[in-house]
């Protein structure tokens, strides 16, 4: 994916994950992008660890993997705080 698609993908995935975890009011657009991109990497790693494919492009499966990773990332950050 190109850098622009990663930013868009990360923004949407991070925003959805922050809404699921109830942290939408605490995060801005930049943090949503960062959480989404890092969540996509984390979700891809988790899925490959479980024997499935990671983020493969701009499709629904990759989006769900990115949202799952972003939710896990937000949960880890909450646990550390």
C-alpha atoms as a PDB file:
ATOM      1  CA  UNK A   1       0.000   0.000   0.000  1.00  0.00           C
ATOM      2  CA  UNK A   2       1.124   3.530  -0.612  1.00  0.00           C
ATOM      3  CA  UNK A   3       1.731   5.948   2.224  1.00  0.00           C
ATOM      4  CA  UNK A   4      -1.524   7.843   1.551  1.00  0.00           C
ATOM      5  CA  UNK A   5      -3.552   4.628   1.716  1.00  0.00           C
ATOM      6  CA  UNK A   6      -1.804   3.667   4.966  1.00  0.00           C
ATOM      7  CA  UNK A   7      -2.768   7.032   6.472  1.00  0.00           C
ATOM      8  CA  UNK A   8      -6.400   6.725   5.351  1.00  0.00           C
ATOM      9  CA  UNK A   9      -6.570   3.075   6.396  1.00  0.00           C
ATOM     10  CA  UNK A  10      -4.985   3.872   9.765  1.00  0.00           C
ATOM     11  CA  UNK A  11      -7.277   6.827  10.392  1.00  0.00           C
ATOM     12  CA  UNK A  12     -10.427   4.812   9.775  1.00  0.00           C
ATOM     13  CA  UNK A  13      -9.236   1.733  11.684  1.00  0.00           C
ATOM     14  CA  UNK A  14      -7.997   3.827  14.615  1.00  0.00           C
ATOM     15  CA  UNK A  15     -11.222   5.807  14.759  1.00  0.00           C
ATOM     16  CA  UNK A  16     -13.393   2.659  14.751  1.00  0.00           C
ATOM     17  CA  UNK A  17     -11.194   1.028  17.411  1.00  0.00           C
ATOM     18  CA  UNK A  18     -11.320   4.132  19.603  1.00  0.00           C
ATOM     19  CA  UNK A  19     -15.111   4.156  19.326  1.00  0.00           C
ATOM     20  CA  UNK A  20     -15.239   0.467  20.304  1.00  0.00           C
ATOM     21  CA  UNK A  21     -12.963   1.050  23.302  1.00  0.00           C
ATOM     22  CA  UNK A  22     -14.638   4.314  24.336  1.00  0.00           C
ATOM     23  CA  UNK A  23     -11.544   6.490  23.938  1.00  0.00           C
ATOM     24  CA  UNK A  24     -12.767   8.563  20.998  1.00  0.00           C
ATOM     25  CA  UNK A  25     -13.073  11.755  23.054  1.00  0.00           C
ATOM     26  CA  UNK A  26      -9.473  11.389  24.314  1.00  0.00           C
ATOM     27  CA  UNK A  27      -7.847  10.895  20.921  1.00  0.00           C
ATOM     28  CA  UNK A  28      -7.423  13.317  18.078  1.00  0.00           C
ATOM     29  CA  UNK A  29      -7.077  12.601  14.389  1.00  0.00           C
ATOM     30  CA  UNK A  30      -3.301  12.167  14.499  1.00  0.00           C
ATOM     31  CA  UNK A  31      -3.473   9.694  17.372  1.00  0.00           C
ATOM     32  CA  UNK A  32      -6.231   7.776  15.547  1.00  0.00           C
ATOM     33  CA  UNK A  33      -3.917   7.473  12.533  1.00  0.00           C
ATOM     34  CA  UNK A  34      -1.007   6.282  14.678  1.00  0.00           C
ATOM     35  CA  UNK A  35      -3.180   3.802  16.593  1.00  0.00           C
ATOM     36  CA  UNK A  36      -4.641   2.502  13.316  1.00  0.00           C
ATOM     37  CA  UNK A  37      -1.276   2.011  11.612  1.00  0.00           C
ATOM     38  CA  UNK A  38       0.405   0.438  14.646  1.00  0.00           C
ATOM     39  CA  UNK A  39      -2.761  -1.612  15.200  1.00  0.00           C
ATOM     40  CA  UNK A  40      -2.591  -2.879  11.610  1.00  0.00           C
ATOM     41  CA  UNK A  41       0.991  -4.024  12.160  1.00  0.00           C
ATOM     42  CA  UNK A  42       0.105  -5.584  15.527  1.00  0.00           C
ATOM     43  CA  UNK A  43      -3.029  -7.223  14.120  1.00  0.00           C
ATOM     44  CA  UNK A  44      -1.071  -8.596  11.165  1.00  0.00           C
ATOM     45  CA  UNK A  45       1.513 -10.026  13.529  1.00  0.00           C
ATOM     46  CA  UNK A  46      -1.168 -11.574  15.751  1.00  0.00           C
ATOM     47  CA  UNK A  47      -3.019 -13.107  12.802  1.00  0.00           C
ATOM     48  CA  UNK A  48       0.170 -14.537  11.294  1.00  0.00           C
ATOM     49  CA  UNK A  49       1.020 -15.948  14.724  1.00  0.00           C
ATOM     50  CA  UNK A  50      -2.374 -17.710  14.701  1.00  0.00           C
ATOM     51  CA  UNK A  51      -1.747 -19.064  11.201  1.00  0.00           C
ATOM     52  CA  UNK A  52      -3.856 -16.607   9.195  1.00  0.00           C
ATOM     53  CA  UNK A  53      -2.815 -13.872   6.808  1.00  0.00           C
ATOM     54  CA  UNK A  54      -2.064 -10.375   8.018  1.00  0.00           C
ATOM     55  CA  UNK A  55      -2.883  -7.091   6.339  1.00  0.00           C
ATOM     56  CA  UNK A  56      -2.846  -7.837   2.612  1.00  0.00           C
ATOM     57  CA  UNK A  57      -4.146  -4.612   1.105  1.00  0.00           C
ATOM     58  CA  UNK A  58      -7.106  -2.268   1.177  1.00  0.00           C
ATOM     59  CA  UNK A  59      -9.888  -4.831   1.715  1.00  0.00           C
ATOM     60  CA  UNK A  60     -12.417  -5.839   4.373  1.00  0.00           C
ATOM     61  CA  UNK A  61     -10.308  -8.633   5.899  1.00  0.00           C
ATOM     62  CA  UNK A  62      -7.323  -6.340   6.307  1.00  0.00           C
ATOM     63  CA  UNK A  63      -9.561  -3.660   7.786  1.00  0.00           C
ATOM     64  CA  UNK A  64     -10.913  -6.101  10.384  1.00  0.00           C
ATOM     65  CA  UNK A  65      -7.368  -7.231  11.216  1.00  0.00           C
ATOM     66  CA  UNK A  66      -6.298  -3.591  11.634  1.00  0.00           C
ATOM     67  CA  UNK A  67      -9.264  -2.776  13.876  1.00  0.00           C
ATOM     68  CA  UNK A  68      -8.586  -5.898  15.965  1.00  0.00           C
ATOM     69  CA  UNK A  69      -4.946  -4.898  16.350  1.00  0.00           C
ATOM     70  CA  UNK A  70      -5.882  -1.323  17.249  1.00  0.00           C
ATOM     71  CA  UNK A  71      -8.345  -2.554  19.898  1.00  0.00           C
ATOM     72  CA  UNK A  72      -5.621  -4.783  21.359  1.00  0.00           C
ATOM     73  CA  UNK A  73      -3.194  -1.840  21.305  1.00  0.00           C
ATOM     74  CA  UNK A  74      -5.636   0.442  23.136  1.00  0.00           C
ATOM     75  CA  UNK A  75      -6.291  -2.325  25.689  1.00  0.00           C
ATOM     76  CA  UNK A  76      -2.539  -2.745  26.291  1.00  0.00           C
ATOM     77  CA  UNK A  77      -2.097   1.010  26.740  1.00  0.00           C
ATOM     78  CA  UNK A  78      -5.006   1.082  29.192  1.00  0.00           C
ATOM     79  CA  UNK A  79      -3.504  -1.795  31.166  1.00  0.00           C
ATOM     80  CA  UNK A  80      -0.133  -0.049  31.401  1.00  0.00           C
ATOM     81  CA  UNK A  81      -1.730   3.207  32.604  1.00  0.00           C
END
